[in-house]
Amino acid sequence: MQNDLPKNLAEVQRRIERAAHKVGRRADEIKLVAVSKMHGIETLQSAISAGAKVFGENKVQEAGEKVAKLGRENVEWHLIGHLQANKARKAVQIFDCIHTLDSIELAMRLERICSEEERAELPVLVQIDLANEATKNGIKPADLPPLIEFLQTCEHLKFAGLMIIPPFDEDAEKSRPFFKKLREMRDEVLPHGELSMGMSGDFETAIEEGATLVRVGTAISAKGRKKPPINEVRCRLGIDFNLPFSVFHFPFSILFYAFKQFLPDHSNRRHLRDAGVRHRFARAADF
């Protein structure tokens, strides 16, 4: 993958330029967030040498290890995965920007921690759930005004824009209505603010609709893969990418688990309970 990385990164940049030119935008208006989760230090070093300037991470602990080794002088670190409250302090310490703020409670915690850690400013984007998907994170549009009102009172948190992960579909055009709606919301609440939207399968469509931050992983790290990999499918569907089985196995695992409940107690139910279906959901950006 490292041998292909410079070529892939250059191609993604060209695609960004073409998409921007198509709608009369400048390419320098769009920042490429190279999704670096699950990639090692050597790969990230190669990406930096190839021109990557922003890395997007999903897990706070994994990002912390990378920041400790690579530093932050030549690259920005963005959190693009769901932020758990108990990881908020570490996130404040290591990330340059958080894309996934989704509640007033989390905003209050981040603001307090910024004060305690003497961090002057932390840019945050509010993650919006426009599709009303129960398995995904993000604030409902109706709950956005109170959150914005709180952010406007913060001394340390800087309300920088909005973020979305639309429902998964191989057809990028199916994502366009969500991108357009997010832009309209941004124009209403924060004109000229950031729009974090678009992944490997639809970032060009997102740029056409106004994206200023695109989160791209597979198109940079994969070899000529046209269809989104199973990990991106899981991301779009809101299924934890750490699960030991594919999204296609998931429904069958549920049915098998239900069937086993009707078997006698001497069956292998304990083993199934201990090792079987897990329902932990997470937000991700791209794979």
C-alpha atoms as a PDB file:
ATOM      1  CA  MET A   1       0.000   0.000   0.000  1.00  0.00           C
ATOM      2  CA  GLN A   2       2.872   2.390   0.787  1.00  0.00           C
ATOM      3  CA  ASN A   3       4.163   2.116  -2.789  1.00  0.00           C
ATOM      4  CA  ASP A   4       0.769   3.183  -4.155  1.00  0.00           C
ATOM      5  CA  LEU A   5       0.127   5.864  -1.564  1.00  0.00           C
ATOM      6  CA  PRO A   6       1.828   8.842  -3.278  1.00  0.00           C
ATOM      7  CA  LYS A   7       0.072   8.034  -6.560  1.00  0.00           C
ATOM      8  CA  ASN A   8      -3.305   7.540  -4.881  1.00  0.00           C
ATOM      9  CA  LEU A   9      -2.969  10.707  -2.828  1.00  0.00           C
ATOM     10  CA  ALA A  10      -2.092  12.718  -5.937  1.00  0.00           C
ATOM     11  CA  GLU A  11      -5.088  11.240  -7.774  1.00  0.00           C
ATOM     12  CA  VAL A  12      -7.441  12.168  -4.932  1.00  0.00           C
ATOM     13  CA  GLN A  13      -6.091  15.707  -5.015  1.00  0.00           C
ATOM     14  CA  ARG A  14      -6.728  15.840  -8.774  1.00  0.00           C
ATOM     15  CA  ARG A  15     -10.279  14.610  -8.233  1.00  0.00           C
ATOM     16  CA  ILE A  16     -10.798  17.312  -5.610  1.00  0.00           C
ATOM     17  CA  GLU A  17      -9.560  19.920  -8.094  1.00  0.00           C
ATOM     18  CA  ARG A  18     -11.843  18.641 -10.865  1.00  0.00           C
ATOM     19  CA  ALA A  19     -14.890  18.542  -8.591  1.00  0.00           C
ATOM     20  CA  ALA A  20     -14.191  22.053  -7.327  1.00  0.00           C
ATOM     21  CA  HIS A  21     -13.620  23.413 -10.840  1.00  0.00           C
ATOM     22  CA  LYS A  22     -16.884  21.830 -12.015  1.00  0.00           C
ATOM     23  CA  VAL A  23     -18.911  24.099  -9.694  1.00  0.00           C
ATOM     24  CA  GLY A  24     -16.668  27.160  -9.879  1.00  0.00           C
ATOM     25  CA  ARG A  25     -14.850  26.626  -6.592  1.00  0.00           C
ATOM     26  CA  ARG A  26     -11.136  26.793  -5.801  1.00  0.00           C
ATOM     27  CA  ALA A  27      -9.441  23.567  -4.757  1.00  0.00           C
ATOM     28  CA  ASP A  28      -7.732  25.327  -1.870  1.00  0.00           C
ATOM     29  CA  GLU A  29     -11.165  25.835  -0.298  1.00  0.00           C
ATOM     30  CA  ILE A  30     -11.291  22.084   0.418  1.00  0.00           C
ATOM     31  CA  LYS A  31      -9.122  20.396   3.027  1.00  0.00           C
ATOM     32  CA  LEU A  32      -8.370  16.694   2.570  1.00  0.00           C
ATOM     33  CA  VAL A  33      -8.577  14.712   5.805  1.00  0.00           C
ATOM     34  CA  ALA A  34      -6.649  11.481   5.185  1.00  0.00           C
ATOM     35  CA  VAL A  35      -8.288   8.799   7.305  1.00  0.00           C
ATOM     36  CA  SER A  36      -5.442   7.127   9.153  1.00  0.00           C
ATOM     37  CA  LYS A  37      -7.144   4.765  11.576  1.00  0.00           C
ATOM     38  CA  MET A  38      -5.738   1.245  11.666  1.00  0.00           C
ATOM     39  CA  HIS A  39      -2.649   2.360   9.713  1.00  0.00           C
ATOM     40  CA  GLY A  40       0.813   2.115  11.239  1.00  0.00           C
ATOM     41  CA  ILE A  41       3.442   4.776  11.829  1.00  0.00           C
ATOM     42  CA  GLU A  42       5.445   3.921   8.690  1.00  0.00           C
ATOM     43  CA  THR A  43       2.364   4.298   6.507  1.00  0.00           C
ATOM     44  CA  LEU A  44       1.552   7.657   8.070  1.00  0.00           C
ATOM     45  CA  GLN A  45       5.131   8.820   7.586  1.00  0.00           C
ATOM     46  CA  SER A  46       4.846   7.871   3.911  1.00  0.00           C
ATOM     47  CA  ALA A  47       1.582   9.796   3.691  1.00  0.00           C
ATOM     48  CA  ILE A  48       3.210  12.888   5.187  1.00  0.00           C
ATOM     49  CA  SER A  49       6.088  12.601   2.709  1.00  0.00           C
ATOM     50  CA  ALA A  50       3.519  12.312  -0.088  1.00  0.00           C
ATOM     51  CA  GLY A  51       1.833  15.534   0.988  1.00  0.00           C
ATOM     52  CA  ALA A  52      -0.821  14.596   3.563  1.00  0.00           C
ATOM     53  CA  LYS A  53      -1.369  17.481   5.965  1.00  0.00           C
ATOM     54  CA  VAL A  54      -4.378  16.325   8.007  1.00  0.00           C
ATOM     55  CA  PHE A  55      -5.056  12.907   9.523  1.00  0.00           C
ATOM     56  CA  GLY A  56      -8.493  11.753  10.668  1.00  0.00           C
ATOM     57  CA  GLU A  57      -8.684   9.267  13.533  1.00  0.00           C
ATOM     58  CA  ASN A  58     -11.662   7.385  14.995  1.00  0.00           C
ATOM     59  CA  LYS A  59     -10.220   6.153  18.264  1.00  0.00           C
ATOM     60  CA  VAL A  60      -8.741   8.472  20.873  1.00  0.00           C
ATOM     61  CA  GLN A  61      -6.292   5.936  22.284  1.00  0.00           C
ATOM     62  CA  GLU A  62      -4.958   4.906  18.875  1.00  0.00           C
ATOM     63  CA  ALA A  63      -4.565   8.542  17.880  1.00  0.00           C
ATOM     64  CA  GLY A  64      -2.702   9.336  21.086  1.00  0.00           C
ATOM     65  CA  GLU A  65      -0.070   6.724  20.324  1.00  0.00           C
ATOM     66  CA  LYS A  66       0.440   8.098  16.824  1.00  0.00           C
ATOM     67  CA  VAL A  67       0.620  11.724  17.932  1.00  0.00           C
ATOM     68  CA  ALA A  68       3.220  10.772  20.549  1.00  0.00           C
ATOM     69  CA  LYS A  69       5.444   9.265  17.829  1.00  0.00           C
ATOM     70  CA  LEU A  70       4.794  11.586  14.894  1.00  0.00           C
ATOM     71  CA  GLY A  71       4.178  14.865  16.691  1.00  0.00           C
ATOM     72  CA  ARG A  72       1.997  17.667  15.376  1.00  0.00           C
ATOM     73  CA  GLU A  73       4.440  20.044  13.725  1.00  0.00           C
ATOM     74  CA  ASN A  74       3.845  18.839  10.168  1.00  0.00           C
ATOM     75  CA  VAL A  75       0.304  17.491  10.385  1.00  0.00           C
ATOM     76  CA  GLU A  76      -3.070  18.235  11.982  1.00  0.00           C
ATOM     77  CA  TRP A  77      -4.984  15.569  13.896  1.00  0.00           C
ATOM     78  CA  HIS A  78      -8.773  15.506  13.625  1.00  0.00           C
ATOM     79  CA  LEU A  79     -11.189  13.275  15.542  1.00  0.00           C
ATOM     80  CA  ILE A  80     -13.776  11.960  13.089  1.00  0.00           C
ATOM     81  CA  GLY A  81     -15.201   9.105  15.193  1.00  0.00           C
ATOM     82  CA  HIS A  82     -17.685   9.182  18.045  1.00  0.00           C
ATOM     83  CA  LEU A  83     -16.262  10.717  21.220  1.00  0.00           C
ATOM     84  CA  GLN A  84     -17.132   8.952  24.453  1.00  0.00           C
ATOM     85  CA  ALA A  85     -17.399  11.184  27.500  1.00  0.00           C
ATOM     86  CA  ASN A  86     -14.681   9.295  29.370  1.00  0.00           C
ATOM     87  CA  LYS A  87     -12.225   9.994  26.530  1.00  0.00           C
ATOM     88  CA  ALA A  88     -12.931  13.732  26.405  1.00  0.00           C
ATOM     89  CA  ARG A  89      -9.852  14.828  28.380  1.00  0.00           C
ATOM     90  CA  LYS A  90      -7.469  12.872  26.181  1.00  0.00           C
ATOM     91  CA  ALA A  91      -9.229  14.222  23.087  1.00  0.00           C
ATOM     92  CA  VAL A  92      -8.719  17.784  24.306  1.00  0.00           C
ATOM     93  CA  GLN A  93      -5.041  17.040  24.806  1.00  0.00           C
ATOM     94  CA  ILE A  94      -4.266  15.575  21.394  1.00  0.00           C
ATOM     95  CA  PHE A  95      -6.712  16.713  18.702  1.00  0.00           C
ATOM     96  CA  ASP A  96      -6.576  19.919  16.690  1.00  0.00           C
ATOM     97  CA  CYS A  97     -10.258  19.625  15.765  1.00  0.00           C
ATOM     98  CA  ILE A  98     -13.234  17.457  16.762  1.00  0.00           C
ATOM     99  CA  HIS A  99     -15.804  16.709  14.034  1.00  0.00           C
ATOM    100  CA  THR A 100     -18.284  14.749  16.146  1.00  0.00           C
ATOM    101  CA  LEU A 101     -19.764  16.930  18.874  1.00  0.00           C
ATOM    102  CA  ASP A 102     -23.337  15.678  19.337  1.00  0.00           C
ATOM    103  CA  SER A 103     -24.728  16.931  22.637  1.00  0.00           C
ATOM    104  CA  ILE A 104     -24.764  19.866  25.038  1.00  0.00           C
ATOM    105  CA  GLU A 105     -23.517  17.546  27.776  1.00  0.00           C
ATOM    106  CA  LEU A 106     -20.415  16.662  25.788  1.00  0.00           C
ATOM    107  CA  ALA A 107     -19.869  20.321  24.905  1.00  0.00           C
ATOM    108  CA  MET A 108     -20.035  21.266  28.584  1.00  0.00           C
ATOM    109  CA  ARG A 109     -17.501  18.597  29.453  1.00  0.00           C
ATOM    110  CA  LEU A 110     -15.109  19.661  26.693  1.00  0.00           C
ATOM    111  CA  GLU A 111     -15.383  23.320  27.693  1.00  0.00           C
ATOM    112  CA  ARG A 112     -14.615  22.508  31.338  1.00  0.00           C
ATOM    113  CA  ILE A 113     -11.673  20.282  30.411  1.00  0.00           C
ATOM    114  CA  CYS A 114     -10.243  22.922  28.075  1.00  0.00           C
ATOM    115  CA  SER A 115     -10.229  25.322  31.013  1.00  0.00           C
ATOM    116  CA  GLU A 116      -8.594  22.763  33.306  1.00  0.00           C
ATOM    117  CA  GLU A 117      -5.986  21.855  30.680  1.00  0.00           C
ATOM    118  CA  GLU A 118      -5.392  25.550  29.882  1.00  0.00           C
ATOM    119  CA  ARG A 119      -6.231  25.019  26.238  1.00  0.00           C
ATOM    120  CA  ALA A 120      -7.105  28.378  24.753  1.00  0.00           C
ATOM    121  CA  GLU A 121      -9.218  27.162  21.819  1.00  0.00           C
ATOM    122  CA  LEU A 122     -10.623  23.910  20.483  1.00  0.00           C
ATOM    123  CA  PRO A 123     -12.505  23.973  17.137  1.00  0.00           C
ATOM    124  CA  VAL A 124     -15.522  21.649  17.090  1.00  0.00           C
ATOM    125  CA  LEU A 125     -18.017  20.643  14.422  1.00  0.00           C
ATOM    126  CA  VAL A 126     -21.501  19.493  15.315  1.00  0.00           C
ATOM    127  CA  GLN A 127     -22.452  16.115  13.872  1.00  0.00           C
ATOM    128  CA  ILE A 128     -26.002  16.120  12.490  1.00  0.00           C
ATOM    129  CA  ASP A 129     -28.286  13.111  12.031  1.00  0.00           C
ATOM    130  CA  LEU A 130     -30.512  14.089   9.119  1.00  0.00           C
ATOM    131  CA  ALA A 131     -31.642  10.545   8.324  1.00  0.00           C
ATOM    132  CA  ASN A 132     -32.927   9.783  11.830  1.00  0.00           C
ATOM    133  CA  GLU A 133     -30.903   6.570  11.976  1.00  0.00           C
ATOM    134  CA  ALA A 134     -31.185   4.870  15.354  1.00  0.00           C
ATOM    135  CA  THR A 135     -27.838   3.093  14.999  1.00  0.00           C
ATOM    136  CA  LYS A 136     -25.836   6.258  14.405  1.00  0.00           C
ATOM    137  CA  ASN A 137     -24.706   9.181  16.490  1.00  0.00           C
ATOM    138  CA  GLY A 138     -25.418  12.809  15.756  1.00  0.00           C
ATOM    139  CA  ILE A 139     -27.768  15.456  17.069  1.00  0.00           C
ATOM    140  CA  LYS A 140     -31.268  15.879  15.663  1.00  0.00           C
ATOM    141  CA  PRO A 141     -31.816  19.118  13.729  1.00  0.00           C
ATOM    142  CA  ALA A 142     -34.464  20.199  16.238  1.00  0.00           C
ATOM    143  CA  ASP A 143     -31.897  19.970  19.043  1.00  0.00           C
ATOM    144  CA  LEU A 144     -29.267  22.021  17.243  1.00  0.00           C
ATOM    145  CA  PRO A 145     -30.316  25.575  18.274  1.00  0.00           C
ATOM    146  CA  PRO A 146     -29.821  25.020  22.045  1.00  0.00           C
ATOM    147  CA  LEU A 147     -26.390  23.493  21.395  1.00  0.00           C
ATOM    148  CA  ILE A 148     -25.354  26.413  19.205  1.00  0.00           C
ATOM    149  CA  GLU A 149     -26.624  28.841  21.835  1.00  0.00           C
ATOM    150  CA  PHE A 150     -24.403  27.154  24.418  1.00  0.00           C
ATOM    151  CA  LEU A 151     -21.374  27.100  22.096  1.00  0.00           C
ATOM    152  CA  GLN A 152     -21.736  30.822  21.548  1.00  0.00           C
ATOM    153  CA  THR A 153     -21.184  31.336  25.272  1.00  0.00           C
ATOM    154  CA  CYS A 154     -18.060  29.154  25.436  1.00  0.00           C
ATOM    155  CA  GLU A 155     -14.687  30.673  26.118  1.00  0.00           C
ATOM    156  CA  HIS A 156     -12.654  27.774  24.720  1.00  0.00           C
ATOM    157  CA  LEU A 157     -14.816  25.783  22.301  1.00  0.00           C
ATOM    158  CA  LYS A 158     -15.037  27.338  18.847  1.00  0.00           C
ATOM    159  CA  PHE A 159     -18.124  26.410  16.852  1.00  0.00           C
ATOM    160  CA  ALA A 160     -16.489  25.769  13.469  1.00  0.00           C
ATOM    161  CA  GLY A 161     -19.216  24.094  11.405  1.00  0.00           C
ATOM    162  CA  LEU A 162     -21.305  20.976  10.769  1.00  0.00           C
ATOM    163  CA  MET A 163     -20.569  17.354   9.930  1.00  0.00           C
ATOM    164  CA  ILE A 164     -22.599  14.458   8.513  1.00  0.00           C
ATOM    165  CA  ILE A 165     -22.303  10.806   7.482  1.00  0.00           C
ATOM    166  CA  PRO A 166     -25.303  10.070   5.231  1.00  0.00           C
ATOM    167  CA  PRO A 167     -26.867   6.602   4.913  1.00  0.00           C
ATOM    168  CA  PHE A 168     -24.805   4.143   2.928  1.00  0.00           C
ATOM    169  CA  ASP A 169     -25.481   3.786  -0.784  1.00  0.00           C
ATOM    170  CA  GLU A 170     -23.114   2.875  -3.601  1.00  0.00           C
ATOM    171  CA  ASP A 171     -24.763   5.584  -5.699  1.00  0.00           C
ATOM    172  CA  ALA A 172     -23.133   8.874  -4.642  1.00  0.00           C
ATOM    173  CA  GLU A 173     -26.140  10.802  -5.914  1.00  0.00           C
ATOM    174  CA  LYS A 174     -28.207   9.312  -3.085  1.00  0.00           C
ATOM    175  CA  SER A 175     -26.004  11.281  -0.666  1.00  0.00           C
ATOM    176  CA  ARG A 176     -26.530  14.604  -2.447  1.00  0.00           C
ATOM    177  CA  PRO A 177     -29.813  15.576  -0.692  1.00  0.00           C
ATOM    178  CA  PHE A 178     -28.136  15.127   2.700  1.00  0.00           C
ATOM    179  CA  PHE A 179     -25.123  17.212   1.657  1.00  0.00           C
ATOM    180  CA  LYS A 180     -27.369  19.913   0.265  1.00  0.00           C
ATOM    181  CA  LYS A 181     -29.495  20.015   3.415  1.00  0.00           C
ATOM    182  CA  LEU A 182     -26.418  20.264   5.633  1.00  0.00           C
ATOM    183  CA  ARG A 183     -25.123  23.179   3.554  1.00  0.00           C
ATOM    184  CA  GLU A 184     -28.465  24.943   3.911  1.00  0.00           C
ATOM    185  CA  MET A 185     -28.353  24.424   7.671  1.00  0.00           C
ATOM    186  CA  ARG A 186     -24.784  25.722   7.807  1.00  0.00           C
ATOM    187  CA  ASP A 187     -25.714  28.809   5.796  1.00  0.00           C
ATOM    188  CA  GLU A 188     -28.480  29.528   8.279  1.00  0.00           C
ATOM    189  CA  VAL A 189     -26.589  29.017  11.545  1.00  0.00           C
ATOM    190  CA  LEU A 190     -22.959  29.761  10.605  1.00  0.00           C
ATOM    191  CA  PRO A 191     -22.434  31.340   7.171  1.00  0.00           C
ATOM    192  CA  HIS A 192     -19.035  30.397   5.717  1.00  0.00           C
ATOM    193  CA  GLY A 193     -18.500  27.775   8.441  1.00  0.00           C
ATOM    194  CA  GLU A 194     -16.896  24.406   7.785  1.00  0.00           C
ATOM    195  CA  LEU A 195     -18.775  21.507   6.186  1.00  0.00           C
ATOM    196  CA  SER A 196     -17.265  18.094   6.965  1.00  0.00           C
ATOM    197  CA  MET A 197     -18.943  15.724   4.521  1.00  0.00           C
ATOM    198  CA  GLY A 198     -17.972  13.215   1.879  1.00  0.00           C
ATOM    199  CA  MET A 199     -15.914  10.019   1.977  1.00  0.00           C
ATOM    200  CA  SER A 200     -14.163   7.892  -0.638  1.00  0.00           C
ATOM    201  CA  GLY A 201     -17.352   6.970  -2.487  1.00  0.00           C
ATOM    202  CA  ASP A 202     -18.994  10.403  -2.592  1.00  0.00           C
ATOM    203  CA  PHE A 203     -16.513  13.169  -1.755  1.00  0.00           C
ATOM    204  CA  GLU A 204     -16.788  14.695  -5.230  1.00  0.00           C
ATOM    205  CA  THR A 205     -20.553  15.012  -4.814  1.00  0.00           C
ATOM    206  CA  ALA A 206     -19.955  16.544  -1.380  1.00  0.00           C
ATOM    207  CA  ILE A 207     -17.558  19.108  -2.882  1.00  0.00           C
ATOM    208  CA  GLU A 208     -20.159  20.039  -5.476  1.00  0.00           C
ATOM    209  CA  GLU A 209     -22.544  20.747  -2.586  1.00  0.00           C
ATOM    210  CA  GLY A 210     -20.055  22.849  -0.629  1.00  0.00           C
ATOM    211  CA  ALA A 211     -17.864  20.533   1.453  1.00  0.00           C
ATOM    212  CA  THR A 212     -14.805  22.187   2.966  1.00  0.00           C
ATOM    213  CA  LEU A 213     -13.495  19.047   4.698  1.00  0.00           C
ATOM    214  CA  VAL A 214     -13.585  15.633   2.981  1.00  0.00           C
ATOM    215  CA  ARG A 215     -12.675  12.493   4.915  1.00  0.00           C
ATOM    216  CA  VAL A 216     -10.997  10.058   2.514  1.00  0.00           C
ATOM    217  CA  GLY A 217      -9.369   6.744   3.335  1.00  0.00           C
ATOM    218  CA  THR A 218      -9.975   3.916   0.870  1.00  0.00           C
ATOM    219  CA  ALA A 219      -9.310   6.031  -2.219  1.00  0.00           C
ATOM    220  CA  ILE A 220      -5.870   6.828  -0.794  1.00  0.00           C
ATOM    221  CA  SER A 221      -4.888   3.494   0.697  1.00  0.00           C
ATOM    222  CA  ALA A 222      -6.515   0.905  -1.598  1.00  0.00           C
ATOM    223  CA  LYS A 223      -5.420  -0.463  -4.958  1.00  0.00           C
ATOM    224  CA  GLY A 224      -7.974   0.419  -7.620  1.00  0.00           C
ATOM    225  CA  ARG A 225     -10.949  -0.616  -5.532  1.00  0.00           C
ATOM    226  CA  LYS A 226     -14.101   0.641  -7.222  1.00  0.00           C
ATOM    227  CA  LYS A 227     -16.693  -0.570  -4.752  1.00  0.00           C
ATOM    228  CA  PRO A 228     -16.599   0.504  -1.102  1.00  0.00           C
ATOM    229  CA  PRO A 229     -14.999  -2.134   1.158  1.00  0.00           C
ATOM    230  CA  ILE A 230     -17.023  -3.885   3.830  1.00  0.00           C
ATOM    231  CA  ASN A 231     -15.576  -1.606   6.529  1.00  0.00           C
ATOM    232  CA  GLU A 232     -17.027   1.453   4.773  1.00  0.00           C
ATOM    233  CA  VAL A 233     -20.371  -0.334   4.486  1.00  0.00           C
ATOM    234  CA  ARG A 234     -20.266  -0.961   8.220  1.00  0.00           C
ATOM    235  CA  CYS A 235     -19.444   2.685   8.861  1.00  0.00           C
ATOM    236  CA  ARG A 236     -22.360   3.942   6.788  1.00  0.00           C
ATOM    237  CA  LEU A 237     -24.745   1.481   8.444  1.00  0.00           C
ATOM    238  CA  GLY A 238     -23.538   2.428  11.905  1.00  0.00           C
ATOM    239  CA  ILE A 239     -22.047  -0.996  12.706  1.00  0.00           C
ATOM    240  CA  ASP A 240     -18.897  -1.236  14.774  1.00  0.00           C
ATOM    241  CA  PHE A 241     -15.943  -1.947  12.476  1.00  0.00           C
ATOM    242  CA  ASN A 242     -14.255  -3.943  15.274  1.00  0.00           C
ATOM    243  CA  LEU A 243     -16.888  -6.675  15.101  1.00  0.00           C
ATOM    244  CA  PRO A 244     -15.394 -10.064  14.133  1.00  0.00           C
ATOM    245  CA  PHE A 245     -17.858 -10.695  11.336  1.00  0.00           C
ATOM    246  CA  SER A 246     -19.004  -8.843   8.250  1.00  0.00           C
ATOM    247  CA  VAL A 247     -22.216  -6.898   7.921  1.00  0.00           C
ATOM    248  CA  PHE A 248     -23.533  -9.680   5.745  1.00  0.00           C
ATOM    249  CA  HIS A 249     -23.103 -12.173   8.604  1.00  0.00           C
ATOM    250  CA  PHE A 250     -24.808  -9.877  11.089  1.00  0.00           C
ATOM    251  CA  PRO A 251     -28.492 -10.733  10.350  1.00  0.00           C
ATOM    252  CA  PHE A 252     -27.729 -14.451  10.289  1.00  0.00           C
ATOM    253  CA  SER A 253     -25.944 -14.194  13.627  1.00  0.00           C
ATOM    254  CA  ILE A 254     -28.997 -12.527  15.139  1.00  0.00           C
ATOM    255  CA  LEU A 255     -31.310 -15.274  13.832  1.00  0.00           C
ATOM    256  CA  PHE A 256     -28.966 -18.016  15.017  1.00  0.00           C
ATOM    257  CA  TYR A 257     -28.753 -16.436  18.458  1.00  0.00           C
ATOM    258  CA  ALA A 258     -32.559 -16.263  18.721  1.00  0.00           C
ATOM    259  CA  PHE A 259     -32.899 -19.894  17.593  1.00  0.00           C
ATOM    260  CA  LYS A 260     -30.426 -21.064  20.220  1.00  0.00           C
ATOM    261  CA  GLN A 261     -32.558 -19.611  22.995  1.00  0.00           C
ATOM    262  CA  PHE A 262     -35.172 -22.316  22.342  1.00  0.00           C
ATOM    263  CA  LEU A 263     -32.705 -25.183  22.726  1.00  0.00           C
ATOM    264  CA  PRO A 264     -32.374 -27.113  26.042  1.00  0.00           C
ATOM    265  CA  ASP A 265     -30.096 -25.715  28.718  1.00  0.00           C
ATOM    266  CA  HIS A 266     -27.430 -28.323  28.017  1.00  0.00           C
ATOM    267  CA  SER A 267     -26.817 -26.750  24.606  1.00  0.00           C
ATOM    268  CA  ASN A 268     -23.928 -24.418  23.873  1.00  0.00           C
ATOM    269  CA  ARG A 269     -25.821 -21.299  24.939  1.00  0.00           C
ATOM    270  CA  ARG A 270     -23.202 -20.051  27.374  1.00  0.00           C
ATOM    271  CA  HIS A 271     -20.499 -20.193  24.750  1.00  0.00           C
ATOM    272  CA  LEU A 272     -22.742 -18.344  22.298  1.00  0.00           C
ATOM    273  CA  ARG A 273     -23.586 -15.687  24.887  1.00  0.00           C
ATOM    274  CA  ASP A 274     -19.907 -15.143  25.688  1.00  0.00           C
ATOM    275  CA  ALA A 275     -18.563 -15.117  22.142  1.00  0.00           C
ATOM    276  CA  GLY A 276     -21.500 -14.387  19.883  1.00  0.00           C
ATOM    277  CA  VAL A 277     -23.464 -11.346  18.842  1.00  0.00           C
ATOM    278  CA  ARG A 278     -22.234  -7.936  19.933  1.00  0.00           C
ATOM    279  CA  HIS A 279     -24.320  -4.831  19.408  1.00  0.00           C
ATOM    280  CA  ARG A 280     -21.824  -2.080  20.077  1.00  0.00           C
ATOM    281  CA  PHE A 281     -22.256   0.678  17.531  1.00  0.00           C
ATOM    282  CA  ALA A 282     -19.796   3.408  16.598  1.00  0.00           C
ATOM    283  CA  ARG A 283     -19.369   6.294  14.210  1.00  0.00           C
ATOM    284  CA  ALA A 284     -16.610   6.237  11.782  1.00  0.00           C
ATOM    285  CA  ALA A 285     -15.601   8.275   8.782  1.00  0.00           C
ATOM    286  CA  ASP A 286     -14.080   6.290   6.092  1.00  0.00           C
ATOM    287  CA  PHE A 287     -12.077   3.134   5.511  1.00  0.00           C
END
